[in-house]
PDB file of N, CA and C in Angstrom:
ATOM      1  N   MET A   1     131.626  86.214  77.074  1.00  0.00           N
ATOM      2  CA  MET A   1     131.549  86.679  78.448  1.00  0.00           C
ATOM      3  C   MET A   1     132.147  88.083  78.507  1.00  0.00           C
ATOM      4  N   SER A   2     131.489  88.987  79.191  1.00  0.00           N
ATOM      5  CA  SER A   2     131.995  90.354  79.280  1.00  0.00           C
ATOM      6  C   SER A   2     133.171  90.424  80.249  1.00  0.00           C
ATOM      7  N   GLU A   3     133.981  91.471  80.085  1.00  0.00           N
ATOM      8  CA  GLU A   3     135.147  91.658  80.947  1.00  0.00           C
ATOM      9  C   GLU A   3     134.735  91.776  82.408  1.00  0.00           C
ATOM     10  N   SER A   4     133.568  92.346  82.665  1.00  0.00           N
ATOM     11  CA  SER A   4     133.122  92.520  84.043  1.00  0.00           C
ATOM     12  C   SER A   4     132.799  91.191  84.719  1.00  0.00           C
ATOM     13  N   ALA A   5     132.659  90.108  83.945  1.00  0.00           N
ATOM     14  CA  ALA A   5     132.350  88.800  84.513  1.00  0.00           C
ATOM     15  C   ALA A   5     133.608  88.029  84.898  1.00  0.00           C
ATOM     16  N   VAL A   6     134.770  88.626  84.726  1.00  0.00           N
ATOM     17  CA  VAL A   6     136.033  87.968  85.055  1.00  0.00           C
ATOM     18  C   VAL A   6     136.555  88.527  86.377  1.00  0.00           C
ATOM     19  N   PRO A   7     136.819  87.667  87.367  1.00  0.00           N
ATOM     20  CA  PRO A   7     137.341  88.167  88.641  1.00  0.00           C
ATOM     21  C   PRO A   7     138.715  88.818  88.469  1.00  0.00           C
ATOM     22  N   VAL A   8     138.997  89.762  89.327  1.00  0.00           N
ATOM     23  CA  VAL A   8     140.311  90.409  89.352  1.00  0.00           C
ATOM     24  C   VAL A   8     141.160  89.645  90.366  1.00  0.00           C
ATOM     25  N   ASN A   9     142.266  89.080  89.907  1.00  0.00           N
ATOM     26  CA  ASN A   9     143.187  88.366  90.791  1.00  0.00           C
ATOM     27  C   ASN A   9     144.227  89.372  91.289  1.00  0.00           C
ATOM     28  N   LEU A  10     144.135  89.737  92.544  1.00  0.00           N
ATOM     29  CA  LEU A  10     145.012  90.777  93.081  1.00  0.00           C
ATOM     30  C   LEU A  10     146.485  90.367  93.058  1.00  0.00           C
ATOM     31  N   ALA A  11     146.786  89.106  93.346  1.00  0.00           N
ATOM     32  CA  ALA A  11     148.177  88.647  93.312  1.00  0.00           C
ATOM     33  C   ALA A  11     148.756  88.778  91.908  1.00  0.00           C
ATOM     34  N   ASP A  12     147.970  88.398  90.889  1.00  0.00           N
ATOM     35  CA  ASP A  12     148.437  88.532  89.507  1.00  0.00           C
ATOM     36  C   ASP A  12     148.673  89.996  89.153  1.00  0.00           C
ATOM     37  N   LYS A  13     147.768  90.859  89.568  1.00  0.00           N
ATOM     38  CA  LYS A  13     147.918  92.293  89.269  1.00  0.00           C
ATOM     39  C   LYS A  13     149.144  92.869  89.967  1.00  0.00           C
ATOM     40  N   LEU A  14     149.357  92.505  91.216  1.00  0.00           N
ATOM     41  CA  LEU A  14     150.526  93.004  91.952  1.00  0.00           C
ATOM     42  C   LEU A  14     151.837  92.530  91.329  1.00  0.00           C
ATOM     43  N   ALA A  15     151.822  91.353  90.726  1.00  0.00           N
ATOM     44  CA  ALA A  15     153.029  90.817  90.082  1.00  0.00           C
ATOM     45  C   ALA A  15     153.388  91.572  88.807  1.00  0.00           C
ATOM     46  N   GLN A  16     152.473  92.384  88.277  1.00  0.00           N
ATOM     47  CA  GLN A  16     152.703  93.088  87.014  1.00  0.00           C
ATOM     48  C   GLN A  16     153.492  94.387  87.161  1.00  0.00           C
ATOM     49  N   PHE A  17     153.735  94.832  88.401  1.00  0.00           N
ATOM     50  CA  PHE A  17     154.469  96.090  88.543  1.00  0.00           C
ATOM     51  C   PHE A  17     155.337  96.075  89.792  1.00  0.00           C
ATOM     52  N   SER A  18     156.356  96.926  89.783  1.00  0.00           N
ATOM     53  CA  SER A  18     157.266  97.009  90.936  1.00  0.00           C
ATOM     54  C   SER A  18     157.432  98.434  91.457  1.00  0.00           C
ATOM     55  N   GLU A  19     156.924  99.426  90.719  1.00  0.00           N
ATOM     56  CA  GLU A  19     157.086 100.821  91.133  1.00  0.00           C
ATOM     57  C   GLU A  19     156.428 101.055  92.489  1.00  0.00           C
ATOM     58  N   LEU A  20     157.095 101.842  93.308  1.00  0.00           N
ATOM     59  CA  LEU A  20     156.554 102.206  94.611  1.00  0.00           C
ATOM     60  C   LEU A  20     155.765 103.506  94.503  1.00  0.00           C
ATOM     61  N   TRP A  21     154.742 103.626  95.306  1.00  0.00           N
ATOM     62  CA  TRP A  21     153.917 104.830  95.396  1.00  0.00           C
ATOM     63  C   TRP A  21     153.264 105.190  94.060  1.00  0.00           C
ATOM     64  N   SER A  22     152.976 104.185  93.246  1.00  0.00           N
ATOM     65  CA  SER A  22     152.352 104.390  91.948  1.00  0.00           C
ATOM     66  C   SER A  22     151.050 103.596  91.915  1.00  0.00           C
ATOM     67  N   GLN A  23     149.924 104.284  91.965  1.00  0.00           N
ATOM     68  CA  GLN A  23     148.633 103.617  92.019  1.00  0.00           C
ATOM     69  C   GLN A  23     148.251 103.023  90.666  1.00  0.00           C
ATOM     70  N   LYS A  24     147.722 101.801  90.705  1.00  0.00           N
ATOM     71  CA  LYS A  24     147.295 101.086  89.502  1.00  0.00           C
ATOM     72  C   LYS A  24     145.808 100.762  89.621  1.00  0.00           C
ATOM     73  N   LYS A  25     145.019 101.297  88.707  1.00  0.00           N
ATOM     74  CA  LYS A  25     143.577 101.065  88.731  1.00  0.00           C
ATOM     75  C   LYS A  25     143.284  99.670  88.190  1.00  0.00           C
ATOM     76  N   VAL A  26     142.534  98.870  88.999  1.00  0.00           N
ATOM     77  CA  VAL A  26     142.215  97.499  88.587  1.00  0.00           C
ATOM     78  C   VAL A  26     140.724  97.261  88.415  1.00  0.00           C
ATOM     79  N   ALA A  27     139.898  98.207  88.866  1.00  0.00           N
ATOM     80  CA  ALA A  27     138.450  98.065  88.708  1.00  0.00           C
ATOM     81  C   ALA A  27     137.793  99.420  88.949  1.00  0.00           C
ATOM     82  N   VAL A  28     136.553  99.515  88.467  1.00  0.00           N
ATOM     83  CA  VAL A  28     135.741 100.712  88.681  1.00  0.00           C
ATOM     84  C   VAL A  28     134.397 100.245  89.223  1.00  0.00           C
ATOM     85  N   LEU A  29     133.921 100.925  90.241  1.00  0.00           N
ATOM     86  CA  LEU A  29     132.630 100.628  90.840  1.00  0.00           C
ATOM     87  C   LEU A  29     131.857 101.934  90.934  1.00  0.00           C
ATOM     88  N   ASN A  30     130.847 102.084  90.097  1.00  0.00           N
ATOM     89  CA  ASN A  30     130.112 103.348  90.002  1.00  0.00           C
ATOM     90  C   ASN A  30     131.108 104.477  89.750  1.00  0.00           C
ATOM     91  N   ASP A  31     131.167 105.451  90.629  1.00  0.00           N
ATOM     92  CA  ASP A  31     132.092 106.575  90.444  1.00  0.00           C
ATOM     93  C   ASP A  31     133.371 106.398  91.249  1.00  0.00           C
ATOM     94  N   TYR A  32     133.663 105.161  91.671  1.00  0.00           N
ATOM     95  CA  TYR A  32     134.840 104.876  92.492  1.00  0.00           C
ATOM     96  C   TYR A  32     135.853 104.036  91.729  1.00  0.00           C
ATOM     97  N   GLU A  33     137.115 104.199  92.077  1.00  0.00           N
ATOM     98  CA  GLU A  33     138.189 103.387  91.512  1.00  0.00           C
ATOM     99  C   GLU A  33     138.751 102.476  92.603  1.00  0.00           C
ATOM    100  N   VAL A  34     139.041 101.246  92.207  1.00  0.00           N
ATOM    101  CA  VAL A  34     139.732 100.291  93.065  1.00  0.00           C
ATOM    102  C   VAL A  34     141.159 100.245  92.541  1.00  0.00           C
ATOM    103  N   LYS A  35     142.113 100.590  93.422  1.00  0.00           N
ATOM    104  CA  LYS A  35     143.504 100.722  92.978  1.00  0.00           C
ATOM    105  C   LYS A  35     144.428  99.904  93.869  1.00  0.00           C
ATOM    106  N   LEU A  36     145.502  99.419  93.273  1.00  0.00           N
ATOM    107  CA  LEU A  36     146.566  98.742  94.001  1.00  0.00           C
ATOM    108  C   LEU A  36     147.786  99.637  94.015  1.00  0.00           C
ATOM    109  N   ALA A  37     148.592  99.487  95.048  1.00  0.00           N
ATOM    110  CA  ALA A  37     149.865 100.206  95.113  1.00  0.00           C
ATOM    111  C   ALA A  37     150.827  99.414  95.985  1.00  0.00           C
ATOM    112  N   LYS A  38     152.101  99.613  95.719  1.00  0.00           N
ATOM    113  CA  LYS A  38     153.174  99.076  96.563  1.00  0.00           C
ATOM    114  C   LYS A  38     153.850 100.274  97.206  1.00  0.00           C
ATOM    115  N   LEU A  39     154.065 100.172  98.496  1.00  0.00           N
ATOM    116  CA  LEU A  39     154.623 101.286  99.256  1.00  0.00           C
ATOM    117  C   LEU A  39     155.857 100.854 100.015  1.00  0.00           C
ATOM    118  N   LYS A  40     156.772 101.769 100.187  1.00  0.00           N
ATOM    119  CA  LYS A  40     157.910 101.575 101.090  1.00  0.00           C
ATOM    120  C   LYS A  40     158.468 102.952 101.382  1.00  0.00           C
ATOM    121  N   GLY A  41     158.686 103.232 102.658  1.00  0.00           N
ATOM    122  CA  GLY A  41     159.165 104.546 103.065  1.00  0.00           C
ATOM    123  C   GLY A  41     157.986 105.416 103.464  1.00  0.00           C
ATOM    124  N   GLU A  42     158.233 106.721 103.466  1.00  0.00           N
ATOM    125  CA  GLU A  42     157.215 107.670 103.907  1.00  0.00           C
ATOM    126  C   GLU A  42     156.682 108.457 102.719  1.00  0.00           C
ATOM    127  N   PHE A  43     155.376 108.689 102.708  1.00  0.00           N
ATOM    128  CA  PHE A  43     154.733 109.486 101.662  1.00  0.00           C
ATOM    129  C   PHE A  43     154.767 110.951 102.085  1.00  0.00           C
ATOM    130  N   VAL A  44     153.788 111.724 101.748  1.00  0.00           N
ATOM    131  CA  VAL A  44     153.716 113.134 102.152  1.00  0.00           C
ATOM    132  C   VAL A  44     152.472 113.334 103.025  1.00  0.00           C
ATOM    133  N   TRP A  45     152.553 114.272 103.941  1.00  0.00           N
ATOM    134  CA  TRP A  45     151.385 114.656 104.723  1.00  0.00           C
ATOM    135  C   TRP A  45     150.406 115.347 103.792  1.00  0.00           C
ATOM    136  N   HIS A  46     149.158 114.920 103.827  1.00  0.00           N
ATOM    137  CA  HIS A  46     148.160 115.514 102.946  1.00  0.00           C
ATOM    138  C   HIS A  46     146.751 115.284 103.483  1.00  0.00           C
ATOM    139  N   THR A  47     145.807 115.984 102.867  1.00  0.00           N
ATOM    140  CA  THR A  47     144.399 115.902 103.234  1.00  0.00           C
ATOM    141  C   THR A  47     143.564 115.767 101.965  1.00  0.00           C
ATOM    142  N   HIS A  48     142.504 114.996 102.057  1.00  0.00           N
ATOM    143  CA  HIS A  48     141.488 114.939 101.001  1.00  0.00           C
ATOM    144  C   HIS A  48     140.248 115.595 101.591  1.00  0.00           C
ATOM    145  N   GLU A  49     139.992 116.830 101.220  1.00  0.00           N
ATOM    146  CA  GLU A  49     138.902 117.606 101.813  1.00  0.00           C
ATOM    147  C   GLU A  49     137.519 117.064 101.465  1.00  0.00           C
ATOM    148  N   ASP A  50     137.388 116.416 100.290  1.00  0.00           N
ATOM    149  CA  ASP A  50     136.066 116.037  99.801  1.00  0.00           C
ATOM    150  C   ASP A  50     135.750 114.549  99.863  1.00  0.00           C
ATOM    151  N   THR A  51     136.685 113.729 100.363  1.00  0.00           N
ATOM    152  CA  THR A  51     136.412 112.293 100.343  1.00  0.00           C
ATOM    153  C   THR A  51     137.157 111.551 101.442  1.00  0.00           C
ATOM    154  N   ASP A  52     136.550 110.473 101.916  1.00  0.00           N
ATOM    155  CA  ASP A  52     137.240 109.526 102.781  1.00  0.00           C
ATOM    156  C   ASP A  52     138.204 108.726 101.905  1.00  0.00           C
ATOM    157  N   GLU A  53     139.152 108.032 102.540  1.00  0.00           N
ATOM    158  CA  GLU A  53     140.103 107.205 101.790  1.00  0.00           C
ATOM    159  C   GLU A  53     140.256 105.869 102.507  1.00  0.00           C
ATOM    160  N   LEU A  54     139.979 104.772 101.785  1.00  0.00           N
ATOM    161  CA  LEU A  54     140.065 103.434 102.359  1.00  0.00           C
ATOM    162  C   LEU A  54     141.389 102.781 101.974  1.00  0.00           C
ATOM    163  N   PHE A  55     142.127 102.301 102.977  1.00  0.00           N
ATOM    164  CA  PHE A  55     143.365 101.551 102.792  1.00  0.00           C
ATOM    165  C   PHE A  55     143.135 100.129 103.288  1.00  0.00           C
ATOM    166  N   LEU A  56     143.352  99.131 102.426  1.00  0.00           N
ATOM    167  CA  LEU A  56     143.285  97.724 102.811  1.00  0.00           C
ATOM    168  C   LEU A  56     144.677  97.137 102.586  1.00  0.00           C
ATOM    169  N   VAL A  57     145.277  96.595 103.633  1.00  0.00           N
ATOM    170  CA  VAL A  57     146.622  96.028 103.511  1.00  0.00           C
ATOM    171  C   VAL A  57     146.512  94.579 103.050  1.00  0.00           C
ATOM    172  N   ILE A  58     147.200  94.285 101.950  1.00  0.00           N
ATOM    173  CA  ILE A  58     147.243  92.934 101.400  1.00  0.00           C
ATOM    174  C   ILE A  58     148.447  92.181 101.965  1.00  0.00           C
ATOM    175  N   SER A  59     149.604  92.848 101.964  1.00  0.00           N
ATOM    176  CA  SER A  59     150.814  92.251 102.540  1.00  0.00           C
ATOM    177  C   SER A  59     151.671  93.371 103.102  1.00  0.00           C
ATOM    178  N   GLY A  60     152.549  93.018 104.034  1.00  0.00           N
ATOM    179  CA  GLY A  60     153.389  94.018 104.676  1.00  0.00           C
ATOM    180  C   GLY A  60     152.652  94.628 105.852  1.00  0.00           C
ATOM    181  N   ARG A  61     153.021  95.857 106.164  1.00  0.00           N
ATOM    182  CA  ARG A  61     152.436  96.551 107.315  1.00  0.00           C
ATOM    183  C   ARG A  61     152.437  98.039 107.022  1.00  0.00           C
ATOM    184  N   LEU A  62     151.305  98.685 107.205  1.00  0.00           N
ATOM    185  CA  LEU A  62     151.171 100.097 106.904  1.00  0.00           C
ATOM    186  C   LEU A  62     150.890 100.873 108.184  1.00  0.00           C
ATOM    187  N   THR A  63     151.644 101.932 108.382  1.00  0.00           N
ATOM    188  CA  THR A  63     151.345 102.865 109.459  1.00  0.00           C
ATOM    189  C   THR A  63     150.762 104.110 108.813  1.00  0.00           C
ATOM    190  N   ILE A  64     149.580 104.485 109.260  1.00  0.00           N
ATOM    191  CA  ILE A  64     148.978 105.723 108.783  1.00  0.00           C
ATOM    192  C   ILE A  64     149.161 106.733 109.908  1.00  0.00           C
ATOM    193  N   GLN A  65     150.070 107.664 109.658  1.00  0.00           N
ATOM    194  CA  GLN A  65     150.359 108.680 110.647  1.00  0.00           C
ATOM    195  C   GLN A  65     149.238 109.727 110.620  1.00  0.00           C
ATOM    196  N   LEU A  66     148.712 110.018 111.789  1.00  0.00           N
ATOM    197  CA  LEU A  66     147.713 111.056 111.955  1.00  0.00           C
ATOM    198  C   LEU A  66     148.283 112.060 112.957  1.00  0.00           C
ATOM    199  N   ARG A  67     147.817 113.265 112.950  1.00  0.00           N
ATOM    200  CA  ARG A  67     148.355 114.284 113.860  1.00  0.00           C
ATOM    201  C   ARG A  67     148.124 113.938 115.323  1.00  0.00           C
ATOM    202  N   ASP A  68     147.100 113.126 115.614  1.00  0.00           N
ATOM    203  CA  ASP A  68     146.841 112.769 117.010  1.00  0.00           C
ATOM    204  C   ASP A  68     147.239 111.331 117.344  1.00  0.00           C
ATOM    205  N   GLY A  69     148.046 110.691 116.497  1.00  0.00           N
ATOM    206  CA  GLY A  69     148.534 109.340 116.779  1.00  0.00           C
ATOM    207  C   GLY A  69     148.542 108.477 115.534  1.00  0.00           C
ATOM    208  N   ASP A  70     149.315 107.407 115.587  1.00  0.00           N
ATOM    209  CA  ASP A  70     149.469 106.512 114.448  1.00  0.00           C
ATOM    210  C   ASP A  70     148.474 105.358 114.503  1.00  0.00           C
ATOM    211  N   VAL A  71     148.095 104.885 113.323  1.00  0.00           N
ATOM    212  CA  VAL A  71     147.255 103.696 113.185  1.00  0.00           C
ATOM    213  C   VAL A  71     148.069 102.674 112.407  1.00  0.00           C
ATOM    214  N   VAL A  72     148.265 101.486 112.970  1.00  0.00           N
ATOM    215  CA  VAL A  72     148.999 100.422 112.302  1.00  0.00           C
ATOM    216  C   VAL A  72     147.984  99.455 111.694  1.00  0.00           C
ATOM    217  N   VAL A  73     148.150  99.187 110.397  1.00  0.00           N
ATOM    218  CA  VAL A  73     147.222  98.332 109.662  1.00  0.00           C
ATOM    219  C   VAL A  73     147.995  97.110 109.170  1.00  0.00           C
ATOM    220  N   GLU A  74     147.548  95.946 109.595  1.00  0.00           N
ATOM    221  CA  GLU A  74     148.193  94.669 109.276  1.00  0.00           C
ATOM    222  C   GLU A  74     147.506  94.017 108.071  1.00  0.00           C
ATOM    223  N   PRO A  75     148.123  92.983 107.474  1.00  0.00           N
ATOM    224  CA  PRO A  75     147.487  92.284 106.351  1.00  0.00           C
ATOM    225  C   PRO A  75     146.082  91.795 106.721  1.00  0.00           C
ATOM    226  N   GLY A  76     145.149  92.011 105.799  1.00  0.00           N
ATOM    227  CA  GLY A  76     143.776  91.610 106.028  1.00  0.00           C
ATOM    228  C   GLY A  76     142.961  92.638 106.791  1.00  0.00           C
ATOM    229  N   GLU A  77     143.586  93.762 107.162  1.00  0.00           N
ATOM    230  CA  GLU A  77     142.875  94.828 107.868  1.00  0.00           C
ATOM    231  C   GLU A  77     142.731  96.037 106.957  1.00  0.00           C
ATOM    232  N   LEU A  78     141.725  96.848 107.259  1.00  0.00           N
ATOM    233  CA  LEU A  78     141.557  98.091 106.526  1.00  0.00           C
ATOM    234  C   LEU A  78     141.334  99.226 107.500  1.00  0.00           C
ATOM    235  N   PHE A  79     141.608 100.431 107.017  1.00  0.00           N
ATOM    236  CA  PHE A  79     141.378 101.637 107.798  1.00  0.00           C
ATOM    237  C   PHE A  79     140.869 102.717 106.860  1.00  0.00           C
ATOM    238  N   VAL A  80     139.879 103.450 107.322  1.00  0.00           N
ATOM    239  CA  VAL A  80     139.336 104.554 106.540  1.00  0.00           C
ATOM    240  C   VAL A  80     139.785 105.866 107.171  1.00  0.00           C
ATOM    241  N   VAL A  81     140.493 106.667 106.389  1.00  0.00           N
ATOM    242  CA  VAL A  81     140.859 108.013 106.820  1.00  0.00           C
ATOM    243  C   VAL A  81     139.676 108.915 106.457  1.00  0.00           C
ATOM    244  N   PRO A  82     139.043 109.529 107.449  1.00  0.00           N
ATOM    245  CA  PRO A  82     137.901 110.392 107.143  1.00  0.00           C
ATOM    246  C   PRO A  82     138.308 111.625 106.341  1.00  0.00           C
ATOM    247  N   ARG A  83     137.404 112.108 105.526  1.00  0.00           N
ATOM    248  CA  ARG A  83     137.663 113.319 104.743  1.00  0.00           C
ATOM    249  C   ARG A  83     138.119 114.437 105.671  1.00  0.00           C
ATOM    250  N   GLY A  84     139.059 115.216 105.167  1.00  0.00           N
ATOM    251  CA  GLY A  84     139.538 116.364 105.920  1.00  0.00           C
ATOM    252  C   GLY A  84     140.568 116.064 106.987  1.00  0.00           C
ATOM    253  N   VAL A  85     140.919 114.789 107.193  1.00  0.00           N
ATOM    254  CA  VAL A  85     141.907 114.425 108.215  1.00  0.00           C
ATOM    255  C   VAL A  85     143.284 114.337 107.569  1.00  0.00           C
ATOM    256  N   GLU A  86     144.214 115.126 108.082  1.00  0.00           N
ATOM    257  CA  GLU A  86     145.580 115.098 107.549  1.00  0.00           C
ATOM    258  C   GLU A  86     146.227 113.774 107.940  1.00  0.00           C
ATOM    259  N   HIS A  87     146.909 113.158 106.979  1.00  0.00           N
ATOM    260  CA  HIS A  87     147.532 111.852 107.215  1.00  0.00           C
ATOM    261  C   HIS A  87     148.775 111.689 106.348  1.00  0.00           C
ATOM    262  N   CYS A  88     149.588 110.706 106.733  1.00  0.00           N
ATOM    263  CA  CYS A  88     150.819 110.415 105.992  1.00  0.00           C
ATOM    264  C   CYS A  88     151.099 108.915 106.081  1.00  0.00           C
ATOM    265  N   PRO A  89     150.907 108.171 104.977  1.00  0.00           N
ATOM    266  CA  PRO A  89     151.217 106.744 104.989  1.00  0.00           C
ATOM    267  C   PRO A  89     152.723 106.501 105.121  1.00  0.00           C
ATOM    268  N   LEU A  90     153.058 105.437 105.849  1.00  0.00           N
ATOM    269  CA  LEU A  90     154.445 105.068 106.107  1.00  0.00           C
ATOM    270  C   LEU A  90     154.539 103.545 106.106  1.00  0.00           C
ATOM    271  N   ALA A  91     155.499 103.013 105.356  1.00  0.00           N
ATOM    272  CA  ALA A  91     155.705 101.564 105.310  1.00  0.00           C
ATOM    273  C   ALA A  91     157.189 101.275 105.505  1.00  0.00           C
ATOM    274  N   GLY A  92     157.535 100.594 106.584  1.00  0.00           N
ATOM    275  CA  GLY A  92     158.922 100.245 106.864  1.00  0.00           C
ATOM    276  C   GLY A  92     159.445  99.138 105.971  1.00  0.00           C
ATOM    277  N   GLU A  93     158.545  98.331 105.452  1.00  0.00           N
ATOM    278  CA  GLU A  93     158.885  97.254 104.525  1.00  0.00           C
ATOM    279  C   GLU A  93     157.961  97.398 103.322  1.00  0.00           C
ATOM    280  N   GLU A  94     158.295  96.734 102.222  1.00  0.00           N
ATOM    281  CA  GLU A  94     157.399  96.828 101.072  1.00  0.00           C
ATOM    282  C   GLU A  94     156.024  96.304 101.471  1.00  0.00           C
ATOM    283  N   THR A  95     155.023  97.093 101.174  1.00  0.00           N
ATOM    284  CA  THR A  95     153.655  96.802 101.573  1.00  0.00           C
ATOM    285  C   THR A  95     152.740  96.963 100.365  1.00  0.00           C
ATOM    286  N   ALA A  96     151.873  95.986 100.160  1.00  0.00           N
ATOM    287  CA  ALA A  96     150.898  96.049  99.067  1.00  0.00           C
ATOM    288  C   ALA A  96     149.554  96.427  99.660  1.00  0.00           C
ATOM    289  N   ILE A  97     148.912  97.414  99.024  1.00  0.00           N
ATOM    290  CA  ILE A  97     147.621  97.883  99.521  1.00  0.00           C
ATOM    291  C   ILE A  97     146.601  97.965  98.397  1.00  0.00           C
ATOM    292  N   LEU A  98     145.335  97.969  98.802  1.00  0.00           N
ATOM    293  CA  LEU A  98     144.226  98.249  97.910  1.00  0.00           C
ATOM    294  C   LEU A  98     143.595  99.544  98.421  1.00  0.00           C
ATOM    295  N   LEU A  99     143.332 100.460  97.505  1.00  0.00           N
ATOM    296  CA  LEU A  99     142.696 101.734  97.818  1.00  0.00           C
ATOM    297  C   LEU A  99     141.331 101.781  97.151  1.00  0.00           C
ATOM    298  N   PHE A 100     140.408 102.427  97.809  1.00  0.00           N
ATOM    299  CA  PHE A 100     139.065 102.592  97.262  1.00  0.00           C
ATOM    300  C   PHE A 100     138.714 104.063  97.416  1.00  0.00           C
ATOM    301  N   GLU A 101     138.602 104.767  96.263  1.00  0.00           N
ATOM    302  CA  GLU A 101     138.409 106.212  96.286  1.00  0.00           C
ATOM    303  C   GLU A 101     137.562 106.657  95.106  1.00  0.00           C
ATOM    304  N   PRO A 102     136.931 107.834  95.219  1.00  0.00           N
ATOM    305  CA  PRO A 102     136.223 108.365  94.057  1.00  0.00           C
ATOM    306  C   PRO A 102     137.174 108.559  92.877  1.00  0.00           C
ATOM    307  N   ALA A 103     136.692 108.313  91.679  1.00  0.00           N
ATOM    308  CA  ALA A 103     137.506 108.494  90.473  1.00  0.00           C
ATOM    309  C   ALA A 103     138.078 109.903  90.452  1.00  0.00           C
ATOM    310  N   GLY A 104     139.333 109.986  90.070  1.00  0.00           N
ATOM    311  CA  GLY A 104     139.988 111.277  89.942  1.00  0.00           C
ATOM    312  C   GLY A 104     140.618 111.807  91.216  1.00  0.00           C
ATOM    313  N   THR A 105     140.539 111.062  92.324  1.00  0.00           N
ATOM    314  CA  THR A 105     141.160 111.507  93.572  1.00  0.00           C
ATOM    315  C   THR A 105     142.668 111.593  93.371  1.00  0.00           C
ATOM    316  N   ILE A 106     143.245 112.709  93.724  1.00  0.00           N
ATOM    317  CA  ILE A 106     144.687 112.922  93.573  1.00  0.00           C
ATOM    318  C   ILE A 106     145.396 112.299  94.766  1.00  0.00           C
ATOM    319  N   ASN A 107     146.428 111.492  94.494  1.00  0.00           N
ATOM    320  CA  ASN A 107     147.083 110.724  95.553  1.00  0.00           C
ATOM    321  C   ASN A 107     147.688 111.596  96.649  1.00  0.00           C
ATOM    322  N   THR A 108     148.136 112.788  96.316  1.00  0.00           N
ATOM    323  CA  THR A 108     148.747 113.661  97.317  1.00  0.00           C
ATOM    324  C   THR A 108     147.766 114.690  97.866  1.00  0.00           C
ATOM    325  N   GLY A 109     146.486 114.548  97.535  1.00  0.00           N
ATOM    326  CA  GLY A 109     145.475 115.442  98.067  1.00  0.00           C
ATOM    327  C   GLY A 109     145.813 116.899  97.863  1.00  0.00           C
ATOM    328  N   ASP A 110     145.793 117.658  98.955  1.00  0.00           N
ATOM    329  CA  ASP A 110     146.050 119.096  98.886  1.00  0.00           C
ATOM    330  C   ASP A 110     147.533 119.449  98.885  1.00  0.00           C
ATOM    331  N   ALA A 111     148.416 118.454  99.055  1.00  0.00           N
ATOM    332  CA  ALA A 111     149.849 118.736  99.185  1.00  0.00           C
ATOM    333  C   ALA A 111     150.538 118.970  97.845  1.00  0.00           C
ATOM    334  N   GLY A 112     150.107 118.245  96.800  1.00  0.00           N
ATOM    335  CA  GLY A 112     150.784 118.364  95.502  1.00  0.00           C
ATOM    336  C   GLY A 112     152.228 117.907  95.602  1.00  0.00           C
ATOM    337  N   GLY A 113     153.070 118.373  94.684  1.00  0.00           N
ATOM    338  CA  GLY A 113     154.488 118.056  94.735  1.00  0.00           C
ATOM    339  C   GLY A 113     154.906 116.926  93.825  1.00  0.00           C
ATOM    340  N   PRO A 114     156.194 116.551  93.921  1.00  0.00           N
ATOM    341  CA  PRO A 114     156.763 115.579  92.975  1.00  0.00           C
ATOM    342  C   PRO A 114     156.207 114.155  93.105  1.00  0.00           C
ATOM    343  N   MET A 115     155.542 113.808  94.206  1.00  0.00           N
ATOM    344  CA  MET A 115     154.983 112.467  94.337  1.00  0.00           C
ATOM    345  C   MET A 115     153.571 112.352  93.775  1.00  0.00           C
ATOM    346  N   THR A 116     153.049 113.461  93.245  1.00  0.00           N
ATOM    347  CA  THR A 116     151.710 113.435  92.657  1.00  0.00           C
ATOM    348  C   THR A 116     151.747 112.664  91.348  1.00  0.00           C
ATOM    349  N   LYS A 117     150.890 111.636  91.264  1.00  0.00           N
ATOM    350  CA  LYS A 117     150.806 110.808  90.057  1.00  0.00           C
ATOM    351  C   LYS A 117     149.355 110.402  89.850  1.00  0.00           C
ATOM    352  N   ALA A 118     148.922 110.430  88.620  1.00  0.00           N
ATOM    353  CA  ALA A 118     147.605 109.919  88.283  1.00  0.00           C
ATOM    354  C   ALA A 118     147.646 108.399  88.322  1.00  0.00           C
ATOM    355  N   ALA A 119     146.533 107.786  88.687  1.00  0.00           N
ATOM    356  CA  ALA A 119     146.456 106.332  88.680  1.00  0.00           C
ATOM    357  C   ALA A 119     146.543 105.824  87.246  1.00  0.00           C
ATOM    358  N   GLU A 120     147.319 104.772  87.057  1.00  0.00           N
ATOM    359  CA  GLU A 120     147.472 104.151  85.744  1.00  0.00           C
ATOM    360  C   GLU A 120     146.563 102.927  85.672  1.00  0.00           C
ATOM    361  N   ILE A 121     145.991 102.683  84.510  1.00  0.00           N
ATOM    362  CA  ILE A 121     145.147 101.499  84.320  1.00  0.00           C
ATOM    363  C   ILE A 121     146.035 100.285  84.166  1.00  0.00           C
ATOM    364  N   LEU A 122     145.766  99.258  84.947  1.00  0.00           N
ATOM    365  CA  LEU A 122     146.520  98.010  84.869  1.00  0.00           C
ATOM    366  C   LEU A 122     145.620  96.980  84.215  1.00  0.00           C
ATOM    367  N   SER A 123     146.015  96.514  83.030  1.00  0.00           N
ATOM    368  CA  SER A 123     145.148  95.568  82.310  1.00  0.00           C
ATOM    369  C   SER A 123     145.547  94.135  82.582  1.00  0.00           C
TER     370      SER A 123
END
């Protein structure tokens, strides 16, 4: 059986790491990466000029700060930040999310800085 025929268990994958704000690639779909991350605290304000960004909350609660108001995303909900919209993720408690983005998308977008990290493959 090929590796692609095995389902990805998100709970098992989340149990494999504890680092915050560190994206872990768990699948690839065409030119897109499916990534998991654990968040707590505030990220950086940034923009992705060339792509939308999908956030799906698995556990916890995510606030996506936008310049014109905040969006609160609860477990089982998703929100798409449209390309070119400045945003800043914020999690008051540890929050597990799934991200869906084109391969190679930089987590800090146009902001750069010390929180910039490439997604790591989680096997």
